[in-house]
Amino acid sequence: MKSFIYRLEDDAINDFVESFDFYEDRQMGLGVRFKDEVKENLEIIQRHPLSFSILFRNARKKSLDKFPFQIIYTVDEDKYEIAVIAIWHSRRNPDLLKSRI
């Protein structure tokens, strides 16, 4: 079976950098722990992209365990591609994501 690849959209990169900086400013090393958990969850999504619930339309979500965030992504099964559209704080309004999809 062919492996899926993932790419982070610009908005998702901005979400990540902003959150990483916030956590690192709060406590040295906390941003690194956030980064590691995001990476670990991206690898899980890469292995099982269709396993997680649909948020709306064709966008799926995978919640992080240790931080209040969700990775929002779409899957193109024909191209074996995962597009990460957001690394979204769970208290933010998910309706704001609709413009990204």
Protein backbone atom coordinates (compact mmCIF):
# COMPACT_ATOMS: atom_id res chain seq x y z
CA MET A 1 0.00 0.00 0.00
CA LYS A 2 1.24 3.45 -0.91
CA SER A 3 1.96 5.86 1.96
CA PHE A 4 0.14 9.13 2.42
CA ILE A 5 2.18 12.31 2.59
CA TYR A 6 1.10 15.41 4.44
CA ARG A 7 1.72 19.07 3.88
CA LEU A 8 0.93 22.00 6.09
CA GLU A 9 -0.95 24.87 4.48
CA ASP A 10 0.35 28.36 5.25
CA ASP A 11 -2.46 29.02 7.75
CA ALA A 12 -1.62 25.81 9.61
CA ILE A 13 2.05 26.79 9.74
CA ASN A 14 1.05 30.19 11.14
CA ASP A 15 -1.22 28.50 13.71
CA PHE A 16 1.63 26.23 14.77
CA VAL A 17 4.29 28.97 15.03
CA GLU A 18 1.98 31.24 16.99
CA SER A 19 1.08 28.47 19.44
CA PHE A 20 4.66 27.23 19.74
CA ASP A 21 5.85 30.76 20.58
CA PHE A 22 3.02 31.22 23.10
CA TYR A 23 3.91 28.02 24.95
CA GLU A 24 7.64 28.61 24.79
CA ASP A 25 7.14 32.13 26.21
CA ARG A 26 5.06 30.68 29.05
CA GLN A 27 7.66 28.08 30.01
CA MET A 28 10.92 27.14 28.34
CA GLY A 29 10.56 23.70 26.79
CA LEU A 30 6.75 23.75 26.72
CA GLY A 31 6.75 24.84 23.09
CA VAL A 32 9.04 21.93 22.26
CA ARG A 33 6.62 19.53 23.98
CA PHE A 34 3.79 21.07 21.92
CA LYS A 35 5.84 20.60 18.72
CA ASP A 36 6.58 16.97 19.60
CA GLU A 37 2.91 16.20 20.21
CA VAL A 38 1.87 17.86 16.95
CA LYS A 39 4.50 15.84 15.07
CA GLU A 40 3.43 12.60 16.77
CA ASN A 41 -0.20 13.22 15.85
CA LEU A 42 0.67 14.12 12.26
CA GLU A 43 2.41 10.76 11.98
CA ILE A 44 -0.71 9.02 13.34
CA ILE A 45 -2.86 10.88 10.79
CA GLN A 46 -0.40 9.92 8.06
CA ARG A 47 -0.76 6.23 8.94
CA HIS A 48 -4.58 6.32 9.42
CA PRO A 49 -5.93 9.40 7.62
CA LEU A 50 -9.54 8.22 7.37
CA SER A 51 -9.83 7.07 10.99
CA PHE A 52 -10.80 10.40 12.51
CA SER A 53 -14.16 12.10 12.60
CA ILE A 54 -15.37 14.56 10.01
CA LEU A 55 -15.71 18.10 11.33
CA PHE A 56 -17.59 19.44 8.30
CA ARG A 57 -17.60 18.83 4.56
CA ASN A 58 -14.50 16.74 3.91
CA ALA A 59 -12.41 18.18 6.77
CA ARG A 60 -11.42 15.80 9.54
CA LYS A 61 -10.08 16.46 13.02
CA LYS A 62 -7.61 14.74 15.31
CA SER A 63 -7.39 16.01 18.87
CA LEU A 64 -4.09 16.27 20.69
CA ASP A 65 -3.88 14.49 24.03
CA LYS A 66 -1.83 16.92 26.11
CA PHE A 67 -2.74 20.28 24.60
CA PRO A 68 -6.21 21.71 23.83
CA PHE A 69 -5.73 21.63 20.06
CA GLN A 70 -7.04 19.78 17.05
CA ILE A 71 -5.32 19.11 13.77
CA ILE A 72 -7.79 19.87 10.98
CA TYR A 73 -7.06 18.26 7.63
CA THR A 74 -8.44 16.98 4.36
CA VAL A 75 -7.52 13.80 2.53
CA ASP A 76 -7.09 13.31 -1.20
CA GLU A 77 -7.22 9.53 -1.54
CA ASP A 78 -6.39 9.58 -5.25
CA LYS A 79 -3.13 11.47 -4.69
CA TYR A 80 -2.37 9.96 -1.26
CA GLU A 81 -2.12 13.49 0.14
CA ILE A 82 -3.17 15.01 3.43
CA ALA A 83 -3.55 18.79 3.55
CA VAL A 84 -3.31 20.14 7.09
CA ILE A 85 -5.41 23.29 7.07
CA ALA A 86 -5.29 24.22 10.76
CA ILE A 87 -3.76 23.50 14.11
CA TRP A 88 -6.73 24.83 15.98
CA HIS A 89 -7.23 25.63 19.65
CA SER A 90 -10.32 23.75 20.79
CA ARG A 91 -11.89 26.85 22.35
CA ARG A 92 -11.82 28.78 19.08
CA ASN A 93 -15.00 28.87 17.05
CA PRO A 94 -14.79 26.09 14.43
CA ASP A 95 -17.03 28.12 12.10
CA LEU A 96 -14.00 30.35 11.49
CA LEU A 97 -12.35 27.39 9.75
CA LYS A 98 -14.92 27.28 6.95
CA SER A 99 -13.08 29.91 4.94
CA ARG A 100 -9.97 27.70 4.91
CA ILE A 101 -11.65 24.75 3.22
